[in-house]
Amino acid sequence: MFPGGMNPAKMQGMMKKMGISQTPLKVKRVIFEMEDTNLVIDDPSVIRVMMQGQETYQVSGEAQEELAESFSEEDVAMVVEKTGKMEEEVREMLEQVGGDIAEAIMSLK
């Protein structure tokens, strides 16, 4: 039951009359990439809301903070290609050298 005693079906009907639609989305993970950290929500509840032609998303779930990597997936792929090393080993090296691709390649050869 919603606050004020309004049932969910009635609330949906009112929202439809006002031109508001909500669509639940099946999402595995949401990542908010910030300057120095990432906020990660695994198995979130996500709803797409359309209102007056504007699309917004409502995300809820248990958030965890992770340090942002100083390198991209493309950087990892390039170092793997140049060195022939496994991706996990390349990621560890890139973390050690602060994302410096040249230094990672030289260290892994």
C-alpha atoms as a PDB file:
ATOM      1  CA  MET A   1       0.000   0.000   0.000  1.00  0.00           C
ATOM      2  CA  PHE A   2       1.263   3.475  -0.868  1.00  0.00           C
ATOM      3  CA  PRO A   3       1.201   6.388   1.589  1.00  0.00           C
ATOM      4  CA  GLY A   4      -2.247   7.869   1.970  1.00  0.00           C
ATOM      5  CA  GLY A   5      -3.942   4.523   1.346  1.00  0.00           C
ATOM      6  CA  MET A   6      -3.630   4.625  -2.477  1.00  0.00           C
ATOM      7  CA  ASN A   7      -3.282   1.212  -4.071  1.00  0.00           C
ATOM      8  CA  PRO A   8      -0.619   0.547  -6.732  1.00  0.00           C
ATOM      9  CA  ALA A   9      -3.134  -0.052  -9.563  1.00  0.00           C
ATOM     10  CA  LYS A  10      -4.794   3.315  -8.924  1.00  0.00           C
ATOM     11  CA  MET A  11      -1.396   5.025  -8.794  1.00  0.00           C
ATOM     12  CA  GLN A  12      -0.433   3.453 -12.166  1.00  0.00           C
ATOM     13  CA  GLY A  13      -3.689   4.695 -13.684  1.00  0.00           C
ATOM     14  CA  MET A  14      -3.068   8.244 -12.464  1.00  0.00           C
ATOM     15  CA  MET A  15       0.495   8.175 -13.802  1.00  0.00           C
ATOM     16  CA  LYS A  16      -0.721   6.973 -17.206  1.00  0.00           C
ATOM     17  CA  LYS A  17      -3.237   9.856 -17.380  1.00  0.00           C
ATOM     18  CA  MET A  18      -0.391  12.288 -16.615  1.00  0.00           C
ATOM     19  CA  GLY A  19       1.732  10.811 -19.434  1.00  0.00           C
ATOM     20  CA  ILE A  20       4.190   9.052 -17.148  1.00  0.00           C
ATOM     21  CA  SER A  21       5.278   5.506 -17.936  1.00  0.00           C
ATOM     22  CA  GLN A  22       7.564   3.233 -15.942  1.00  0.00           C
ATOM     23  CA  THR A  23       9.360   0.214 -17.352  1.00  0.00           C
ATOM     24  CA  PRO A  24      11.384  -2.149 -15.158  1.00  0.00           C
ATOM     25  CA  LEU A  25      14.686  -3.172 -16.761  1.00  0.00           C
ATOM     26  CA  LYS A  26      16.632  -6.404 -16.233  1.00  0.00           C
ATOM     27  CA  VAL A  27      20.068  -5.059 -15.347  1.00  0.00           C
ATOM     28  CA  LYS A  28      23.010  -7.075 -14.015  1.00  0.00           C
ATOM     29  CA  ARG A  29      25.249  -4.213 -12.909  1.00  0.00           C
ATOM     30  CA  VAL A  30      25.303  -0.418 -12.779  1.00  0.00           C
ATOM     31  CA  ILE A  31      28.607   1.471 -12.637  1.00  0.00           C
ATOM     32  CA  PHE A  32      28.897   5.185 -11.950  1.00  0.00           C
ATOM     33  CA  GLU A  33      32.367   6.195 -13.151  1.00  0.00           C
ATOM     34  CA  MET A  34      33.683   9.123 -11.155  1.00  0.00           C
ATOM     35  CA  GLU A  35      37.024  10.880 -11.239  1.00  0.00           C
ATOM     36  CA  ASP A  36      38.903   8.671  -8.769  1.00  0.00           C
ATOM     37  CA  THR A  37      36.435   5.945  -7.780  1.00  0.00           C
ATOM     38  CA  ASN A  38      33.601   3.924  -9.236  1.00  0.00           C
ATOM     39  CA  LEU A  39      30.295   3.306  -7.514  1.00  0.00           C
ATOM     40  CA  VAL A  40      29.165  -0.240  -8.416  1.00  0.00           C
ATOM     41  CA  ILE A  41      25.713  -1.740  -7.821  1.00  0.00           C
ATOM     42  CA  ASP A  42      25.400  -5.474  -8.543  1.00  0.00           C
ATOM     43  CA  ASP A  43      21.903  -6.882  -9.220  1.00  0.00           C
ATOM     44  CA  PRO A  44      20.202  -3.472  -9.022  1.00  0.00           C
ATOM     45  CA  SER A  45      16.534  -2.650  -9.384  1.00  0.00           C
ATOM     46  CA  VAL A  46      16.302  -0.270 -12.367  1.00  0.00           C
ATOM     47  CA  ILE A  47      13.203   1.497 -13.663  1.00  0.00           C
ATOM     48  CA  ARG A  48      13.067   3.621 -16.832  1.00  0.00           C
ATOM     49  CA  VAL A  49      10.679   6.548 -16.360  1.00  0.00           C
ATOM     50  CA  MET A  50       9.316   8.476 -19.363  1.00  0.00           C
ATOM     51  CA  MET A  51       7.740  11.805 -18.462  1.00  0.00           C
ATOM     52  CA  GLN A  52       7.003  14.691 -20.816  1.00  0.00           C
ATOM     53  CA  GLY A  53       9.377  13.285 -23.427  1.00  0.00           C
ATOM     54  CA  GLN A  54      12.280  12.991 -21.002  1.00  0.00           C
ATOM     55  CA  GLU A  55      13.789   9.638 -20.107  1.00  0.00           C
ATOM     56  CA  THR A  56      15.195   9.129 -16.601  1.00  0.00           C
ATOM     57  CA  TYR A  57      16.364   6.084 -14.685  1.00  0.00           C
ATOM     58  CA  GLN A  58      15.756   5.144 -11.074  1.00  0.00           C
ATOM     59  CA  VAL A  59      18.422   2.835  -9.647  1.00  0.00           C
ATOM     60  CA  SER A  60      18.315   1.178  -6.244  1.00  0.00           C
ATOM     61  CA  GLY A  61      20.490  -1.460  -4.644  1.00  0.00           C
ATOM     62  CA  GLU A  62      23.521  -2.045  -2.462  1.00  0.00           C
ATOM     63  CA  ALA A  63      26.395   0.152  -3.708  1.00  0.00           C
ATOM     64  CA  GLN A  64      30.090  -0.599  -3.304  1.00  0.00           C
ATOM     65  CA  GLU A  65      32.938   1.785  -3.987  1.00  0.00           C
ATOM     66  CA  GLU A  66      35.844   0.613  -6.141  1.00  0.00           C
ATOM     67  CA  LEU A  67      38.990   2.485  -7.076  1.00  0.00           C
ATOM     68  CA  ALA A  68      38.908   3.624 -10.689  1.00  0.00           C
ATOM     69  CA  GLU A  69      41.530   2.049 -12.933  1.00  0.00           C
ATOM     70  CA  SER A  70      44.018   4.418 -14.538  1.00  0.00           C
ATOM     71  CA  PHE A  71      43.878   2.438 -17.798  1.00  0.00           C
ATOM     72  CA  SER A  72      41.256   1.328 -20.305  1.00  0.00           C
ATOM     73  CA  GLU A  73      40.238  -2.014 -21.790  1.00  0.00           C
ATOM     74  CA  GLU A  74      42.011  -0.963 -24.982  1.00  0.00           C
ATOM     75  CA  ASP A  75      45.228  -0.429 -22.995  1.00  0.00           C
ATOM     76  CA  VAL A  76      44.929  -3.944 -21.556  1.00  0.00           C
ATOM     77  CA  ALA A  77      44.310  -5.456 -25.010  1.00  0.00           C
ATOM     78  CA  MET A  78      47.327  -3.646 -26.472  1.00  0.00           C
ATOM     79  CA  VAL A  79      49.678  -4.835 -23.721  1.00  0.00           C
ATOM     80  CA  VAL A  80      48.345  -8.408 -24.017  1.00  0.00           C
ATOM     81  CA  GLU A  81      48.965  -8.274 -27.784  1.00  0.00           C
ATOM     82  CA  LYS A  82      52.487  -6.849 -27.437  1.00  0.00           C
ATOM     83  CA  THR A  83      53.625  -9.144 -24.629  1.00  0.00           C
ATOM     84  CA  GLY A  84      51.629 -12.344 -25.098  1.00  0.00           C
ATOM     85  CA  LYS A  85      50.877 -12.352 -21.363  1.00  0.00           C
ATOM     86  CA  MET A  86      47.553 -13.259 -19.748  1.00  0.00           C
ATOM     87  CA  GLU A  87      45.046 -10.462 -19.165  1.00  0.00           C
ATOM     88  CA  GLU A  88      45.128 -10.835 -15.363  1.00  0.00           C
ATOM     89  CA  GLU A  89      48.921 -10.469 -15.296  1.00  0.00           C
ATOM     90  CA  VAL A  90      48.711  -7.425 -17.589  1.00  0.00           C
ATOM     91  CA  ARG A  91      46.093  -5.748 -15.383  1.00  0.00           C
ATOM     92  CA  GLU A  92      48.236  -6.301 -12.289  1.00  0.00           C
ATOM     93  CA  MET A  93      51.259  -4.778 -14.017  1.00  0.00           C
ATOM     94  CA  LEU A  94      49.268  -1.782 -15.302  1.00  0.00           C
ATOM     95  CA  GLU A  95      48.062  -1.166 -11.739  1.00  0.00           C
ATOM     96  CA  GLN A  96      51.649  -1.360 -10.434  1.00  0.00           C
ATOM     97  CA  VAL A  97      52.923   1.165 -12.992  1.00  0.00           C
ATOM     98  CA  GLY A  98      49.976   3.547 -12.696  1.00  0.00           C
ATOM     99  CA  GLY A  99      48.642   2.824 -16.192  1.00  0.00           C
ATOM    100  CA  ASP A 100      51.928   3.562 -18.000  1.00  0.00           C
ATOM    101  CA  ILE A 101      51.588   1.322 -21.080  1.00  0.00           C
ATOM    102  CA  ALA A 102      55.224   1.500 -22.199  1.00  0.00           C
ATOM    103  CA  GLU A 103      56.528   0.657 -18.743  1.00  0.00           C
ATOM    104  CA  ALA A 104      54.084  -2.244 -18.437  1.00  0.00           C
ATOM    105  CA  ILE A 105      55.204  -3.688 -21.790  1.00  0.00           C
ATOM    106  CA  MET A 106      58.883  -3.362 -20.900  1.00  0.00           C
ATOM    107  CA  SER A 107      58.351  -4.931 -17.464  1.00  0.00           C
ATOM    108  CA  LEU A 108      56.408  -7.893 -18.861  1.00  0.00           C
ATOM    109  CA  LYS A 109      58.874  -8.780 -21.656  1.00  0.00           C
END
